[in-house]
PDB file of N, CA and C in Angstrom:
ATOM      1  N   MET A   1      18.814  14.043  -6.971  1.00  0.00           N
ATOM      2  CA  MET A   1      18.798  12.690  -6.482  1.00  0.00           C
ATOM      3  C   MET A   1      19.174  11.773  -7.640  1.00  0.00           C
ATOM      4  N   GLY A   2      20.070  10.866  -7.362  1.00  0.00           N
ATOM      5  CA  GLY A   2      20.511   9.925  -8.378  1.00  0.00           C
ATOM      6  C   GLY A   2      19.572   8.738  -8.502  1.00  0.00           C
ATOM      7  N   THR A   3      19.816   7.948  -9.517  1.00  0.00           N
ATOM      8  CA  THR A   3      18.982   6.776  -9.783  1.00  0.00           C
ATOM      9  C   THR A   3      19.023   5.791  -8.623  1.00  0.00           C
ATOM     10  N   THR A   4      20.208   5.583  -8.078  1.00  0.00           N
ATOM     11  CA  THR A   4      20.351   4.638  -6.963  1.00  0.00           C
ATOM     12  C   THR A   4      19.530   5.087  -5.765  1.00  0.00           C
ATOM     13  N   GLN A   5      19.575   6.378  -5.468  1.00  0.00           N
ATOM     14  CA  GLN A   5      18.798   6.899  -4.339  1.00  0.00           C
ATOM     15  C   GLN A   5      17.301   6.773  -4.596  1.00  0.00           C
ATOM     16  N   ALA A   6      16.886   7.038  -5.817  1.00  0.00           N
ATOM     17  CA  ALA A   6      15.465   6.921  -6.156  1.00  0.00           C
ATOM     18  C   ALA A   6      14.993   5.479  -5.984  1.00  0.00           C
ATOM     19  N   ILE A   7      15.804   4.535  -6.436  1.00  0.00           N
ATOM     20  CA  ILE A   7      15.457   3.118  -6.289  1.00  0.00           C
ATOM     21  C   ILE A   7      15.355   2.751  -4.816  1.00  0.00           C
ATOM     22  N   GLU A   8      16.306   3.213  -4.010  1.00  0.00           N
ATOM     23  CA  GLU A   8      16.282   2.918  -2.573  1.00  0.00           C
ATOM     24  C   GLU A   8      15.023   3.477  -1.926  1.00  0.00           C
ATOM     25  N   LYS A   9      14.660   4.712  -2.273  1.00  0.00           N
ATOM     26  CA  LYS A   9      13.463   5.325  -1.687  1.00  0.00           C
ATOM     27  C   LYS A   9      12.197   4.571  -2.099  1.00  0.00           C
ATOM     28  N   LEU A  10      12.130   4.168  -3.350  1.00  0.00           N
ATOM     29  CA  LEU A  10      10.969   3.410  -3.811  1.00  0.00           C
ATOM     30  C   LEU A  10      10.903   2.036  -3.146  1.00  0.00           C
ATOM     31  N   GLU A  11      12.049   1.391  -2.974  1.00  0.00           N
ATOM     32  CA  GLU A  11      12.070   0.088  -2.296  1.00  0.00           C
ATOM     33  C   GLU A  11      11.658   0.232  -0.836  1.00  0.00           C
ATOM     34  N   ASN A  12      12.128   1.300  -0.172  1.00  0.00           N
ATOM     35  CA  ASN A  12      11.717   1.557   1.213  1.00  0.00           C
ATOM     36  C   ASN A  12      10.218   1.824   1.286  1.00  0.00           C
ATOM     37  N   SER A  13       9.724   2.579   0.323  1.00  0.00           N
ATOM     38  CA  SER A  13       8.292   2.855   0.257  1.00  0.00           C
ATOM     39  C   SER A  13       7.511   1.555   0.096  1.00  0.00           C
ATOM     40  N   ASN A  14       7.982   0.680  -0.772  1.00  0.00           N
ATOM     41  CA  ASN A  14       7.313  -0.605  -0.982  1.00  0.00           C
ATOM     42  C   ASN A  14       7.288  -1.441   0.291  1.00  0.00           C
ATOM     43  N   GLN A  15       8.367  -1.402   1.053  1.00  0.00           N
ATOM     44  CA  GLN A  15       8.399  -2.148   2.313  1.00  0.00           C
ATOM     45  C   GLN A  15       7.341  -1.610   3.274  1.00  0.00           C
ATOM     46  N   GLY A  16       7.238  -0.287   3.356  1.00  0.00           N
ATOM     47  CA  GLY A  16       6.229   0.329   4.217  1.00  0.00           C
ATOM     48  C   GLY A  16       4.817   0.008   3.763  1.00  0.00           C
ATOM     49  N   ILE A  17       4.591   0.069   2.461  1.00  0.00           N
ATOM     50  CA  ILE A  17       3.273  -0.260   1.909  1.00  0.00           C
ATOM     51  C   ILE A  17       2.926  -1.710   2.221  1.00  0.00           C
ATOM     52  N   GLN A  18       3.894  -2.605   2.099  1.00  0.00           N
ATOM     53  CA  GLN A  18       3.640  -4.022   2.373  1.00  0.00           C
ATOM     54  C   GLN A  18       3.278  -4.237   3.836  1.00  0.00           C
ATOM     55  N   VAL A  19       3.937  -3.525   4.745  1.00  0.00           N
ATOM     56  CA  VAL A  19       3.607  -3.631   6.170  1.00  0.00           C
ATOM     57  C   VAL A  19       2.160  -3.193   6.400  1.00  0.00           C
ATOM     58  N   ILE A  20       1.774  -2.085   5.770  1.00  0.00           N
ATOM     59  CA  ILE A  20       0.398  -1.605   5.909  1.00  0.00           C
ATOM     60  C   ILE A  20      -0.579  -2.640   5.356  1.00  0.00           C
ATOM     61  N   LEU A  21      -0.274  -3.192   4.184  1.00  0.00           N
ATOM     62  CA  LEU A  21      -1.145  -4.219   3.593  1.00  0.00           C
ATOM     63  C   LEU A  21      -1.280  -5.433   4.505  1.00  0.00           C
ATOM     64  N   ASP A  22      -0.168  -5.840   5.101  1.00  0.00           N
ATOM     65  CA  ASP A  22      -0.174  -7.021   5.969  1.00  0.00           C
ATOM     66  C   ASP A  22      -1.038  -6.820   7.210  1.00  0.00           C
ATOM     67  N   HIS A  23      -1.193  -5.569   7.650  1.00  0.00           N
ATOM     68  CA  HIS A  23      -1.920  -5.286   8.887  1.00  0.00           C
ATOM     69  C   HIS A  23      -3.218  -4.516   8.665  1.00  0.00           C
ATOM     70  N   LEU A  24      -3.600  -4.320   7.433  1.00  0.00           N
ATOM     71  CA  LEU A  24      -4.779  -3.505   7.127  1.00  0.00           C
ATOM     72  C   LEU A  24      -6.032  -4.044   7.801  1.00  0.00           C
ATOM     73  N   HIS A  25      -6.273  -5.324   7.667  1.00  0.00           N
ATOM     74  CA  HIS A  25      -7.477  -5.918   8.262  1.00  0.00           C
ATOM     75  C   HIS A  25      -7.499  -5.708   9.774  1.00  0.00           C
ATOM     76  N   ASP A  26      -6.365  -5.951  10.424  1.00  0.00           N
ATOM     77  CA  ASP A  26      -6.284  -5.798  11.877  1.00  0.00           C
ATOM     78  C   ASP A  26      -6.525  -4.351  12.298  1.00  0.00           C
ATOM     79  N   GLU A  27      -5.993  -3.413  11.532  1.00  0.00           N
ATOM     80  CA  GLU A  27      -6.134  -1.995  11.874  1.00  0.00           C
ATOM     81  C   GLU A  27      -7.583  -1.523  11.767  1.00  0.00           C
ATOM     82  N   LEU A  28      -8.343  -2.133  10.888  1.00  0.00           N
ATOM     83  CA  LEU A  28      -9.723  -1.700  10.681  1.00  0.00           C
ATOM     84  C   LEU A  28     -10.730  -2.491  11.508  1.00  0.00           C
ATOM     85  N   THR A  29     -10.277  -3.481  12.249  1.00  0.00           N
ATOM     86  CA  THR A  29     -11.184  -4.343  13.017  1.00  0.00           C
ATOM     87  C   THR A  29     -12.017  -3.551  14.010  1.00  0.00           C
ATOM     88  N   ASP A  30     -11.404  -2.640  14.754  1.00  0.00           N
ATOM     89  CA  ASP A  30     -12.151  -1.852  15.738  1.00  0.00           C
ATOM     90  C   ASP A  30     -13.238  -1.020  15.071  1.00  0.00           C
ATOM     91  N   MET A  31     -12.912  -0.439  13.932  1.00  0.00           N
ATOM     92  CA  MET A  31     -13.890   0.386  13.232  1.00  0.00           C
ATOM     93  C   MET A  31     -15.049  -0.467  12.712  1.00  0.00           C
ATOM     94  N   LYS A  32     -14.772  -1.719  12.385  1.00  0.00           N
ATOM     95  CA  LYS A  32     -15.833  -2.614  11.899  1.00  0.00           C
ATOM     96  C   LYS A  32     -16.848  -2.923  12.996  1.00  0.00           C
ATOM     97  N   GLN A  33     -16.446  -2.760  14.244  1.00  0.00           N
ATOM     98  CA  GLN A  33     -17.334  -3.024  15.375  1.00  0.00           C
ATOM     99  C   GLN A  33     -18.385  -1.927  15.545  1.00  0.00           C
ATOM    100  N   ASP A  34     -18.122  -0.756  14.998  1.00  0.00           N
ATOM    101  CA  ASP A  34     -19.025   0.389  15.138  1.00  0.00           C
ATOM    102  C   ASP A  34     -20.269   0.165  14.271  1.00  0.00           C
ATOM    103  N   PRO A  35     -21.439   0.086  14.898  1.00  0.00           N
ATOM    104  CA  PRO A  35     -22.659  -0.179  14.122  1.00  0.00           C
ATOM    105  C   PRO A  35     -22.982   0.927  13.111  1.00  0.00           C
ATOM    106  N   ARG A  36     -22.509   2.135  13.354  1.00  0.00           N
ATOM    107  CA  ARG A  36     -22.760   3.238  12.416  1.00  0.00           C
ATOM    108  C   ARG A  36     -22.034   3.016  11.092  1.00  0.00           C
ATOM    109  N   LEU A  37     -20.972   2.218  11.113  1.00  0.00           N
ATOM    110  CA  LEU A  37     -20.169   1.979   9.917  1.00  0.00           C
ATOM    111  C   LEU A  37     -20.449   0.616   9.287  1.00  0.00           C
ATOM    112  N   GLU A  38     -21.495  -0.035   9.780  1.00  0.00           N
ATOM    113  CA  GLU A  38     -21.830  -1.371   9.281  1.00  0.00           C
ATOM    114  C   GLU A  38     -22.047  -1.337   7.762  1.00  0.00           C
ATOM    115  N   GLY A  39     -21.394  -2.237   7.089  1.00  0.00           N
ATOM    116  CA  GLY A  39     -21.522  -2.320   5.644  1.00  0.00           C
ATOM    117  C   GLY A  39     -20.554  -1.434   4.884  1.00  0.00           C
ATOM    118  N   LEU A  40     -20.015  -0.433   5.527  1.00  0.00           N
ATOM    119  CA  LEU A  40     -19.080   0.466   4.855  1.00  0.00           C
ATOM    120  C   LEU A  40     -17.636   0.010   4.976  1.00  0.00           C
ATOM    121  N   MET A  41     -17.312  -0.617   6.080  1.00  0.00           N
ATOM    122  CA  MET A  41     -15.911  -0.928   6.351  1.00  0.00           C
ATOM    123  C   MET A  41     -15.354  -1.978   5.399  1.00  0.00           C
ATOM    124  N   ASP A  42     -16.156  -2.936   4.988  1.00  0.00           N
ATOM    125  CA  ASP A  42     -15.656  -3.927   4.030  1.00  0.00           C
ATOM    126  C   ASP A  42     -15.302  -3.258   2.706  1.00  0.00           C
ATOM    127  N   ASP A  43     -16.186  -2.352   2.265  1.00  0.00           N
ATOM    128  CA  ASP A  43     -15.906  -1.621   1.025  1.00  0.00           C
ATOM    129  C   ASP A  43     -14.683  -0.733   1.181  1.00  0.00           C
ATOM    130  N   LEU A  44     -14.571  -0.088   2.337  1.00  0.00           N
ATOM    131  CA  LEU A  44     -13.427   0.789   2.583  1.00  0.00           C
ATOM    132  C   LEU A  44     -12.132  -0.015   2.634  1.00  0.00           C
ATOM    133  N   GLU A  45     -12.171  -1.166   3.278  1.00  0.00           N
ATOM    134  CA  GLU A  45     -10.989  -2.025   3.334  1.00  0.00           C
ATOM    135  C   GLU A  45     -10.587  -2.481   1.932  1.00  0.00           C
ATOM    136  N   ASN A  46     -11.561  -2.863   1.128  1.00  0.00           N
ATOM    137  CA  ASN A  46     -11.271  -3.273  -0.250  1.00  0.00           C
ATOM    138  C   ASN A  46     -10.685  -2.123  -1.058  1.00  0.00           C
ATOM    139  N   LEU A  47     -11.204  -0.921  -0.854  1.00  0.00           N
ATOM    140  CA  LEU A  47     -10.689   0.256  -1.548  1.00  0.00           C
ATOM    141  C   LEU A  47      -9.247   0.537  -1.142  1.00  0.00           C
ATOM    142  N   PHE A  48      -8.967   0.539   0.161  1.00  0.00           N
ATOM    143  CA  PHE A  48      -7.598   0.753   0.644  1.00  0.00           C
ATOM    144  C   PHE A  48      -6.659  -0.311   0.088  1.00  0.00           C
ATOM    145  N   HIS A  49      -7.104  -1.553   0.117  1.00  0.00           N
ATOM    146  CA  HIS A  49      -6.279  -2.660  -0.363  1.00  0.00           C
ATOM    147  C   HIS A  49      -5.932  -2.467  -1.838  1.00  0.00           C
ATOM    148  N   ALA A  50      -6.933  -2.134  -2.641  1.00  0.00           N
ATOM    149  CA  ALA A  50      -6.701  -1.923  -4.077  1.00  0.00           C
ATOM    150  C   ALA A  50      -5.769  -0.739  -4.307  1.00  0.00           C
ATOM    151  N   TYR A  51      -5.962   0.336  -3.559  1.00  0.00           N
ATOM    152  CA  TYR A  51      -5.115   1.525  -3.686  1.00  0.00           C
ATOM    153  C   TYR A  51      -3.663   1.190  -3.354  1.00  0.00           C
ATOM    154  N   LEU A  52      -3.459   0.506  -2.243  1.00  0.00           N
ATOM    155  CA  LEU A  52      -2.097   0.170  -1.823  1.00  0.00           C
ATOM    156  C   LEU A  52      -1.435  -0.802  -2.793  1.00  0.00           C
ATOM    157  N   LYS A  53      -2.181  -1.772  -3.298  1.00  0.00           N
ATOM    158  CA  LYS A  53      -1.619  -2.709  -4.283  1.00  0.00           C
ATOM    159  C   LYS A  53      -1.234  -1.975  -5.570  1.00  0.00           C
ATOM    160  N   THR A  54      -2.050  -1.007  -5.987  1.00  0.00           N
ATOM    161  CA  THR A  54      -1.741  -0.219  -7.180  1.00  0.00           C
ATOM    162  C   THR A  54      -0.488   0.611  -6.957  1.00  0.00           C
ATOM    163  N   TRP A  55      -0.370   1.220  -5.789  1.00  0.00           N
ATOM    164  CA  TRP A  55       0.796   2.026  -5.442  1.00  0.00           C
ATOM    165  C   TRP A  55       2.046   1.143  -5.441  1.00  0.00           C
ATOM    166  N   LEU A  56       1.946  -0.027  -4.850  1.00  0.00           N
ATOM    167  CA  LEU A  56       3.053  -0.977  -4.797  1.00  0.00           C
ATOM    168  C   LEU A  56       3.480  -1.387  -6.207  1.00  0.00           C
ATOM    169  N   LYS A  57       2.519  -1.684  -7.059  1.00  0.00           N
ATOM    170  CA  LYS A  57       2.831  -2.081  -8.433  1.00  0.00           C
ATOM    171  C   LYS A  57       3.468  -0.931  -9.208  1.00  0.00           C
ATOM    172  N   SER A  58       2.953   0.271  -9.023  1.00  0.00           N
ATOM    173  CA  SER A  58       3.526   1.434  -9.712  1.00  0.00           C
ATOM    174  C   SER A  58       4.972   1.649  -9.295  1.00  0.00           C
ATOM    175  N   ASN A  59       5.228   1.576  -7.996  1.00  0.00           N
ATOM    176  CA  ASN A  59       6.602   1.717  -7.512  1.00  0.00           C
ATOM    177  C   ASN A  59       7.501   0.640  -8.110  1.00  0.00           C
ATOM    178  N   THR A  60       7.010  -0.584  -8.135  1.00  0.00           N
ATOM    179  CA  THR A  60       7.788  -1.698  -8.671  1.00  0.00           C
ATOM    180  C   THR A  60       8.074  -1.496 -10.153  1.00  0.00           C
ATOM    181  N   ASP A  61       7.093  -1.012 -10.888  1.00  0.00           N
ATOM    182  CA  ASP A  61       7.296  -0.737 -12.317  1.00  0.00           C
ATOM    183  C   ASP A  61       8.358   0.338 -12.529  1.00  0.00           C
ATOM    184  N   VAL A  62       8.322   1.384 -11.710  1.00  0.00           N
ATOM    185  CA  VAL A  62       9.316   2.460 -11.823  1.00  0.00           C
ATOM    186  C   VAL A  62      10.700   1.931 -11.463  1.00  0.00           C
ATOM    187  N   ILE A  63      10.786   1.119 -10.419  1.00  0.00           N
ATOM    188  CA  ILE A  63      12.073   0.524 -10.033  1.00  0.00           C
ATOM    189  C   ILE A  63      12.635  -0.286 -11.195  1.00  0.00           C
ATOM    190  N   THR A  64      11.802  -1.087 -11.819  1.00  0.00           N
ATOM    191  CA  THR A  64      12.238  -1.901 -12.961  1.00  0.00           C
ATOM    192  C   THR A  64      12.762  -1.019 -14.083  1.00  0.00           C
ATOM    193  N   MET A  65      12.042   0.047 -14.392  1.00  0.00           N
ATOM    194  CA  MET A  65      12.481   0.959 -15.456  1.00  0.00           C
ATOM    195  C   MET A  65      13.810   1.622 -15.109  1.00  0.00           C
ATOM    196  N   LEU A  66      13.952   2.035 -13.853  1.00  0.00           N
ATOM    197  CA  LEU A  66      15.195   2.690 -13.437  1.00  0.00           C
ATOM    198  C   LEU A  66      16.376   1.729 -13.495  1.00  0.00           C
ATOM    199  N   LYS A  67      16.147   0.485 -13.135  1.00  0.00           N
ATOM    200  CA  LYS A  67      17.232  -0.500 -13.168  1.00  0.00           C
ATOM    201  C   LYS A  67      17.640  -0.851 -14.592  1.00  0.00           C
ATOM    202  N   GLU A  68      16.724  -0.704 -15.537  1.00  0.00           N
ATOM    203  CA  GLU A  68      17.030  -1.006 -16.933  1.00  0.00           C
ATOM    204  C   GLU A  68      17.856   0.096 -17.596  1.00  0.00           C
ATOM    205  N   GLN A  69      17.863   1.267 -16.996  1.00  0.00           N
ATOM    206  CA  GLN A  69      18.602   2.389 -17.588  1.00  0.00           C
ATOM    207  C   GLN A  69      20.083   2.251 -17.383  1.00  0.00           C
TER     208      GLN A  69
END
């Protein structure tokens, strides 16, 4: 795989990650209604959010490095 293809795949990945981030709260709303998960879902949502933001930043950093080459 060439550099251009790697950049395209990472950019596509970032777009997908951003879509998930944009809808994360909505996707977890039903689970937040479950009394058995009370108190856990906010922490889980924060964990997912942090994970996805880290993944997005890592991809962006790699894209930047690849473009500099």
